[in-house]
C-alpha atoms as a PDB file:
ATOM      1  CA  MET A   1     -22.180   7.550  65.570  1.00  0.00           C
ATOM      2  CA  PRO A   2     -22.457   8.094  61.821  1.00  0.00           C
ATOM      3  CA  PRO A   3     -19.576  10.001  60.197  1.00  0.00           C
ATOM      4  CA  PHE A   4     -19.796  13.795  60.195  1.00  0.00           C
ATOM      5  CA  PRO A   5     -20.794  15.422  56.903  1.00  0.00           C
ATOM      6  CA  ASP A   6     -17.700  16.700  55.063  1.00  0.00           C
ATOM      7  CA  GLU A   7     -18.447  20.391  55.730  1.00  0.00           C
ATOM      8  CA  MET A   8     -18.909  19.775  59.474  1.00  0.00           C
ATOM      9  CA  LYS A   9     -15.770  17.652  59.648  1.00  0.00           C
ATOM     10  CA  LEU A  10     -13.663  20.360  57.997  1.00  0.00           C
ATOM     11  CA  THR A  11     -15.100  23.077  60.231  1.00  0.00           C
ATOM     12  CA  THR A  12     -14.375  20.997  63.332  1.00  0.00           C
ATOM     13  CA  GLU A  13     -10.796  20.343  62.199  1.00  0.00           C
ATOM     14  CA  LYS A  14     -10.248  24.073  61.718  1.00  0.00           C
ATOM     15  CA  GLU A  15     -11.667  24.935  65.136  1.00  0.00           C
ATOM     16  CA  LEU A  16      -9.759  22.234  67.021  1.00  0.00           C
ATOM     17  CA  ILE A  17      -6.292  22.361  65.463  1.00  0.00           C
ATOM     18  CA  GLY A  18      -6.273  25.573  63.411  1.00  0.00           C
ATOM     19  CA  PHE A  19      -6.108  24.091  59.919  1.00  0.00           C
ATOM     20  CA  TYR A  20      -7.926  21.678  57.626  1.00  0.00           C
ATOM     21  CA  VAL A  21      -6.695  18.068  57.556  1.00  0.00           C
ATOM     22  CA  SER A  22      -8.958  15.839  55.477  1.00  0.00           C
ATOM     23  CA  GLY A  23      -9.486  18.344  52.654  1.00  0.00           C
ATOM     24  CA  HIS A  24     -10.435  21.952  52.089  1.00  0.00           C
ATOM     25  CA  PRO A  25     -13.894  23.557  51.815  1.00  0.00           C
ATOM     26  CA  LEU A  26     -12.931  24.930  48.401  1.00  0.00           C
ATOM     27  CA  ASP A  27     -11.819  21.629  46.856  1.00  0.00           C
ATOM     28  CA  ALA A  28     -15.133  21.136  45.037  1.00  0.00           C
ATOM     29  CA  VAL A  29     -15.036  24.623  43.488  1.00  0.00           C
ATOM     30  CA  ARG A  30     -11.296  24.869  42.817  1.00  0.00           C
ATOM     31  CA  ASN A  31     -11.666  25.207  39.040  1.00  0.00           C
ATOM     32  CA  GLN A  32     -14.383  27.836  39.308  1.00  0.00           C
ATOM     33  CA  ILE A  33     -12.311  29.935  41.713  1.00  0.00           C
ATOM     34  CA  GLU A  34      -9.288  29.863  39.426  1.00  0.00           C
ATOM     35  CA  LYS A  35     -11.397  31.348  36.639  1.00  0.00           C
ATOM     36  CA  LEU A  36     -13.054  33.986  38.837  1.00  0.00           C
ATOM     37  CA  THR A  37     -10.094  35.405  40.749  1.00  0.00           C
ATOM     38  CA  THR A  38      -7.199  37.668  39.814  1.00  0.00           C
ATOM     39  CA  ALA A  39      -5.129  37.244  42.984  1.00  0.00           C
ATOM     40  CA  LYS A  40      -4.242  34.469  45.435  1.00  0.00           C
ATOM     41  CA  LEU A  41      -4.240  35.128  49.167  1.00  0.00           C
ATOM     42  CA  GLY A  42      -1.028  33.175  49.706  1.00  0.00           C
ATOM     43  CA  ASP A  43       0.895  34.974  46.963  1.00  0.00           C
ATOM     44  CA  THR A  44       0.570  38.725  47.504  1.00  0.00           C
ATOM     45  CA  SER A  45       4.155  39.850  46.965  1.00  0.00           C
ATOM     46  CA  GLU A  46       3.399  41.485  43.617  1.00  0.00           C
ATOM     47  CA  LEU A  47       0.259  43.334  44.696  1.00  0.00           C
ATOM     48  CA  THR A  48       0.499  47.115  44.925  1.00  0.00           C
ATOM     49  CA  ASP A  49      -1.308  49.651  47.091  1.00  0.00           C
ATOM     50  CA  GLN A  50      -4.748  50.627  45.698  1.00  0.00           C
ATOM     51  CA  GLN A  51      -4.715  47.824  43.100  1.00  0.00           C
ATOM     52  CA  LEU A  52      -8.147  46.379  42.304  1.00  0.00           C
ATOM     53  CA  VAL A  53      -8.354  42.578  42.515  1.00  0.00           C
ATOM     54  CA  ARG A  54     -10.797  39.699  42.904  1.00  0.00           C
ATOM     55  CA  VAL A  55     -10.106  37.124  45.617  1.00  0.00           C
ATOM     56  CA  ALA A  56     -12.093  34.132  46.798  1.00  0.00           C
ATOM     57  CA  GLY A  57     -12.121  31.899  49.817  1.00  0.00           C
ATOM     58  CA  VAL A  58     -13.951  30.613  52.855  1.00  0.00           C
ATOM     59  CA  VAL A  59     -14.597  32.881  55.834  1.00  0.00           C
ATOM     60  CA  THR A  60     -12.726  31.357  58.793  1.00  0.00           C
ATOM     61  CA  GLN A  61     -13.080  34.257  61.231  1.00  0.00           C
ATOM     62  CA  MET A  62     -15.381  37.242  61.516  1.00  0.00           C
ATOM     63  CA  GLN A  63     -15.211  40.201  63.874  1.00  0.00           C
ATOM     64  CA  ARG A  64     -17.720  43.012  64.143  1.00  0.00           C
ATOM     65  CA  ARG A  65     -16.207  46.420  64.738  1.00  0.00           C
ATOM     66  CA  VAL A  66     -17.126  50.097  64.700  1.00  0.00           C
ATOM     67  CA  THR A  67     -15.411  52.806  62.649  1.00  0.00           C
ATOM     68  CA  ARG A  68     -14.196  56.099  64.103  1.00  0.00           C
ATOM     69  CA  LYS A  69     -17.465  57.628  62.935  1.00  0.00           C
ATOM     70  CA  GLY A  70     -19.441  55.045  64.862  1.00  0.00           C
ATOM     71  CA  LYS A  71     -20.570  53.018  61.862  1.00  0.00           C
ATOM     72  CA  PRO A  72     -20.567  49.192  61.956  1.00  0.00           C
ATOM     73  CA  MET A  73     -17.968  47.330  59.914  1.00  0.00           C
ATOM     74  CA  ALA A  74     -16.605  43.803  59.765  1.00  0.00           C
ATOM     75  CA  LEU A  75     -13.124  42.337  59.707  1.00  0.00           C
ATOM     76  CA  ILE A  76     -13.105  38.887  58.153  1.00  0.00           C
ATOM     77  CA  THR A  77     -10.348  36.379  57.604  1.00  0.00           C
ATOM     78  CA  LEU A  78     -10.645  34.824  54.163  1.00  0.00           C
ATOM     79  CA  GLU A  79      -8.762  31.626  53.328  1.00  0.00           C
ATOM     80  CA  ASP A  80      -8.201  30.153  49.885  1.00  0.00           C
ATOM     81  CA  LEU A  81      -6.178  27.122  48.812  1.00  0.00           C
ATOM     82  CA  THR A  82      -2.896  29.048  49.061  1.00  0.00           C
ATOM     83  CA  GLY A  83      -3.210  31.065  52.281  1.00  0.00           C
ATOM     84  CA  SER A  84      -5.319  33.600  54.131  1.00  0.00           C
ATOM     85  CA  SER A  85      -5.659  37.345  54.564  1.00  0.00           C
ATOM     86  CA  GLU A  86      -7.772  39.955  56.307  1.00  0.00           C
ATOM     87  CA  VAL A  87     -10.583  41.687  54.447  1.00  0.00           C
ATOM     88  CA  LEU A  88     -12.073  44.939  55.738  1.00  0.00           C
ATOM     89  CA  VAL A  89     -15.776  45.378  55.039  1.00  0.00           C
ATOM     90  CA  PHE A  90     -16.803  48.954  55.715  1.00  0.00           C
ATOM     91  CA  ALA A  91     -20.316  50.115  56.569  1.00  0.00           C
ATOM     92  CA  ASP A  92     -21.753  50.723  53.086  1.00  0.00           C
ATOM     93  CA  VAL A  93     -20.517  47.396  51.684  1.00  0.00           C
ATOM     94  CA  ARG A  94     -21.417  45.535  54.893  1.00  0.00           C
ATOM     95  CA  GLU A  95     -24.972  46.836  54.746  1.00  0.00           C
ATOM     96  CA  LYS A  96     -25.395  45.901  51.084  1.00  0.00           C
ATOM     97  CA  TYR A  97     -24.007  42.367  51.426  1.00  0.00           C
ATOM     98  CA  SER A  98     -24.747  41.566  55.083  1.00  0.00           C
ATOM     99  CA  ALA A  99     -26.839  38.505  54.175  1.00  0.00           C
ATOM    100  CA  LEU A 100     -23.789  36.861  52.563  1.00  0.00           C
ATOM    101  CA  ILE A 101     -21.189  37.513  55.244  1.00  0.00           C
ATOM    102  CA  SER A 102     -21.012  34.689  57.770  1.00  0.00           C
ATOM    103  CA  LYS A 103     -18.507  32.205  59.122  1.00  0.00           C
ATOM    104  CA  ASP A 104     -17.778  29.305  56.720  1.00  0.00           C
ATOM    105  CA  ALA A 105     -19.354  31.185  53.781  1.00  0.00           C
ATOM    106  CA  LYS A 106     -17.601  30.711  50.436  1.00  0.00           C
ATOM    107  CA  LEU A 107     -17.275  34.124  48.832  1.00  0.00           C
ATOM    108  CA  VAL A 108     -15.804  35.924  45.862  1.00  0.00           C
ATOM    109  CA  ILE A 109     -14.791  39.454  46.826  1.00  0.00           C
ATOM    110  CA  GLY A 110     -13.894  42.406  44.652  1.00  0.00           C
ATOM    111  CA  ALA A 111     -11.406  44.430  46.673  1.00  0.00           C
ATOM    112  CA  ARG A 112      -8.921  47.276  46.761  1.00  0.00           C
ATOM    113  CA  VAL A 113      -5.473  46.446  48.097  1.00  0.00           C
ATOM    114  CA  SER A 114      -4.252  48.403  51.117  1.00  0.00           C
ATOM    115  CA  ARG A 115      -0.514  48.001  51.537  1.00  0.00           C
ATOM    116  CA  ARG A 116       2.103  49.674  53.696  1.00  0.00           C
ATOM    117  CA  GLU A 117       5.819  49.064  53.546  1.00  0.00           C
ATOM    118  CA  GLU A 118       7.026  45.907  55.274  1.00  0.00           C
ATOM    119  CA  GLU A 119       3.455  44.802  56.030  1.00  0.00           C
ATOM    120  CA  ASP A 120       1.280  42.124  54.522  1.00  0.00           C
ATOM    121  CA  PRO A 121      -1.469  43.690  52.397  1.00  0.00           C
ATOM    122  CA  LYS A 122      -5.057  43.947  53.540  1.00  0.00           C
ATOM    123  CA  PHE A 123      -8.049  43.934  51.238  1.00  0.00           C
ATOM    124  CA  ILE A 124     -10.879  46.460  51.389  1.00  0.00           C
ATOM    125  CA  ALA A 125     -14.065  44.906  50.013  1.00  0.00           C
ATOM    126  CA  THR A 126     -15.940  46.758  47.273  1.00  0.00           C
ATOM    127  CA  GLU A 127     -18.381  43.989  46.258  1.00  0.00           C
ATOM    128  CA  ILE A 128     -19.186  40.515  47.545  1.00  0.00           C
ATOM    129  CA  PHE A 129     -20.737  37.515  45.797  1.00  0.00           C
ATOM    130  CA  THR A 130     -21.440  33.871  46.387  1.00  0.00           C
ATOM    131  CA  ILE A 131     -19.576  31.704  43.901  1.00  0.00           C
ATOM    132  CA  GLU A 132     -22.767  31.137  41.922  1.00  0.00           C
ATOM    133  CA  GLU A 133     -23.447  34.882  41.778  1.00  0.00           C
ATOM    134  CA  ALA A 134     -19.857  35.615  40.784  1.00  0.00           C
ATOM    135  CA  ARG A 135     -19.991  33.141  37.895  1.00  0.00           C
ATOM    136  CA  ALA A 136     -23.007  35.011  36.556  1.00  0.00           C
ATOM    137  CA  ALA A 137     -21.698  38.514  37.311  1.00  0.00           C
ATOM    138  CA  TYR A 138     -18.303  37.937  35.678  1.00  0.00           C
ATOM    139  CA  ALA A 139     -19.469  35.776  32.756  1.00  0.00           C
ATOM    140  CA  LYS A 140     -17.853  36.543  29.398  1.00  0.00           C
ATOM    141  CA  SER A 141     -20.525  34.832  27.311  1.00  0.00           C
ATOM    142  CA  LEU A 142     -23.780  32.864  27.492  1.00  0.00           C
ATOM    143  CA  TRP A 143     -24.138  29.712  25.395  1.00  0.00           C
ATOM    144  CA  ILE A 144     -27.548  28.236  24.608  1.00  0.00           C
ATOM    145  CA  SER A 145     -27.965  24.854  22.913  1.00  0.00           C
ATOM    146  CA  LEU A 146     -31.129  24.307  20.886  1.00  0.00           C
ATOM    147  CA  ASN A 147     -32.470  21.683  18.527  1.00  0.00           C
ATOM    148  CA  GLN A 148     -35.335  21.555  16.084  1.00  0.00           C
ATOM    149  CA  GLU A 149     -37.627  19.955  18.664  1.00  0.00           C
ATOM    150  CA  ILE A 150     -37.593  22.975  20.988  1.00  0.00           C
ATOM    151  CA  VAL A 151     -36.934  25.802  18.534  1.00  0.00           C
ATOM    152  CA  GLY A 152     -40.484  26.988  18.196  1.00  0.00           C
ATOM    153  CA  GLU A 153     -42.055  30.409  18.012  1.00  0.00           C
ATOM    154  CA  THR A 154     -43.240  30.234  21.639  1.00  0.00           C
ATOM    155  CA  THR A 155     -39.758  29.401  22.948  1.00  0.00           C
ATOM    156  CA  LEU A 156     -38.070  32.079  20.874  1.00  0.00           C
ATOM    157  CA  ASP A 157     -40.615  34.694  21.951  1.00  0.00           C
ATOM    158  CA  ALA A 158     -40.083  33.803  25.617  1.00  0.00           C
ATOM    159  CA  LEU A 159     -36.302  34.048  25.246  1.00  0.00           C
ATOM    160  CA  GLU A 160     -36.650  37.389  23.497  1.00  0.00           C
ATOM    161  CA  ASP A 161     -38.757  38.692  26.390  1.00  0.00           C
ATOM    162  CA  ILE A 162     -36.005  37.752  28.855  1.00  0.00           C
ATOM    163  CA  PHE A 163     -33.234  39.216  26.713  1.00  0.00           C
ATOM    164  CA  SER A 164     -35.037  42.504  26.136  1.00  0.00           C
ATOM    165  CA  SER A 165     -35.841  42.879  29.849  1.00  0.00           C
ATOM    166  CA  HIS A 166     -32.289  42.218  31.060  1.00  0.00           C
ATOM    167  CA  THR A 167     -29.947  43.917  28.629  1.00  0.00           C
ATOM    168  CA  GLY A 168     -26.278  44.060  29.546  1.00  0.00           C
ATOM    169  CA  ASN A 169     -22.795  43.478  28.124  1.00  0.00           C
ATOM    170  CA  VAL A 170     -22.567  39.685  27.832  1.00  0.00           C
ATOM    171  CA  PRO A 171     -22.784  38.288  24.272  1.00  0.00           C
ATOM    172  CA  ILE A 172     -25.240  35.469  23.603  1.00  0.00           C
ATOM    173  CA  TYR A 173     -24.312  32.486  21.431  1.00  0.00           C
ATOM    174  CA  PHE A 174     -26.604  29.775  20.096  1.00  0.00           C
ATOM    175  CA  ARG A 175     -25.652  26.227  19.135  1.00  0.00           C
ATOM    176  CA  VAL A 176     -28.491  24.947  16.949  1.00  0.00           C
ATOM    177  CA  GLN A 177     -28.569  21.258  16.042  1.00  0.00           C
ATOM    178  CA  ASP A 178     -30.414  20.304  12.865  1.00  0.00           C
ATOM    179  CA  GLY A 179     -30.027  16.578  12.363  1.00  0.00           C
ATOM    180  CA  GLU A 180     -26.292  15.895  12.340  1.00  0.00           C
ATOM    181  CA  GLN A 181     -25.418  19.492  11.548  1.00  0.00           C
ATOM    182  CA  VAL A 182     -24.604  21.997  14.330  1.00  0.00           C
ATOM    183  CA  ARG A 183     -24.579  25.714  13.637  1.00  0.00           C
ATOM    184  CA  THR A 184     -23.132  28.354  15.951  1.00  0.00           C
ATOM    185  CA  MET A 185     -24.613  31.832  15.836  1.00  0.00           C
ATOM    186  CA  ARG A 186     -24.142  34.994  17.867  1.00  0.00           C
ATOM    187  CA  SER A 187     -27.068  37.242  18.647  1.00  0.00           C
ATOM    188  CA  ARG A 188     -26.603  40.556  16.888  1.00  0.00           C
ATOM    189  CA  ARG A 189     -29.560  42.172  18.581  1.00  0.00           C
ATOM    190  CA  TYR A 190     -29.121  41.316  22.265  1.00  0.00           C
ATOM    191  CA  ARG A 191     -26.457  41.316  24.954  1.00  0.00           C
ATOM    192  CA  LEU A 192     -27.427  40.131  28.408  1.00  0.00           C
ATOM    193  CA  ASN A 193     -27.028  40.982  32.072  1.00  0.00           C
ATOM    194  CA  THR A 194     -26.259  37.461  33.313  1.00  0.00           C
ATOM    195  CA  SER A 195     -27.467  37.637  36.894  1.00  0.00           C
ATOM    196  CA  VAL A 196     -28.321  34.451  38.780  1.00  0.00           C
ATOM    197  CA  GLU A 197     -32.012  35.279  38.424  1.00  0.00           C
ATOM    198  CA  VAL A 198     -31.796  35.637  34.639  1.00  0.00           C
ATOM    199  CA  LEU A 199     -29.686  32.514  34.284  1.00  0.00           C
ATOM    200  CA  ARG A 200     -32.232  30.476  36.233  1.00  0.00           C
ATOM    201  CA  GLN A 201     -35.095  31.786  34.120  1.00  0.00           C
ATOM    202  CA  VAL A 202     -33.397  30.564  30.951  1.00  0.00           C
ATOM    203  CA  GLN A 203     -32.373  27.261  32.553  1.00  0.00           C
ATOM    204  CA  ASP A 204     -35.904  26.624  33.839  1.00  0.00           C
ATOM    205  CA  MET A 205     -37.213  27.177  30.326  1.00  0.00           C
ATOM    206  CA  LEU A 206     -34.678  25.088  28.407  1.00  0.00           C
ATOM    207  CA  GLY A 207     -33.027  22.830  31.008  1.00  0.00           C
ATOM    208  CA  ARG A 208     -29.765  23.395  32.880  1.00  0.00           C
ATOM    209  CA  GLU A 209     -27.766  21.247  30.465  1.00  0.00           C
ATOM    210  CA  ARG A 210     -28.643  23.560  27.564  1.00  0.00           C
ATOM    211  CA  VAL A 211     -27.485  26.813  29.190  1.00  0.00           C
ATOM    212  CA  LYS A 212     -23.808  27.404  29.991  1.00  0.00           C
ATOM    213  CA  LEU A 213     -21.674  30.395  30.946  1.00  0.00           C
ATOM    214  CA  GLY A 214     -18.429  31.108  29.140  1.00  0.00           C
END
């Protein structure tokens, strides 16, 4: 038989012996997760009740439950590179993000800490993203590289249409290469809502290598 794909091998290891052996599903996105999160699941001693945090990990278990009011909710076990913890996903959040919540999904979760004395904290989900969506949602800046060959009126007009249609809080910076000289400029007119959809529109226009999130 050919070797299992890495994802399948890791999932099988987890199911058979309870932990990952040959690696971790988050190894490839370790650096991204460090930038996106504000808390680690294996180091929760300093977290306080009702604190707002961002955690990330892979869903290793998922249970469907019903609240006292009869509404559906989910209890998921999220594991990062330091440990694991339970995340409660109540009805309103579950309904909004149901397409993302599944076993083995890699997620970034905005959450409120629920902590009682002498107990490990639980996390109550307030928003859920894929890692790609989280990078866009939590971006601090958008950097666009241009050169004289592609800086034309048509390109600039198309960019302006995108910027004006998706205004937000993220500043936009341009690196413009003119021969050997590179100038860096910040847009004074526009700030952007850097959703995945918007990011892909700009990347499709200019090329992925010319569009980066800061």
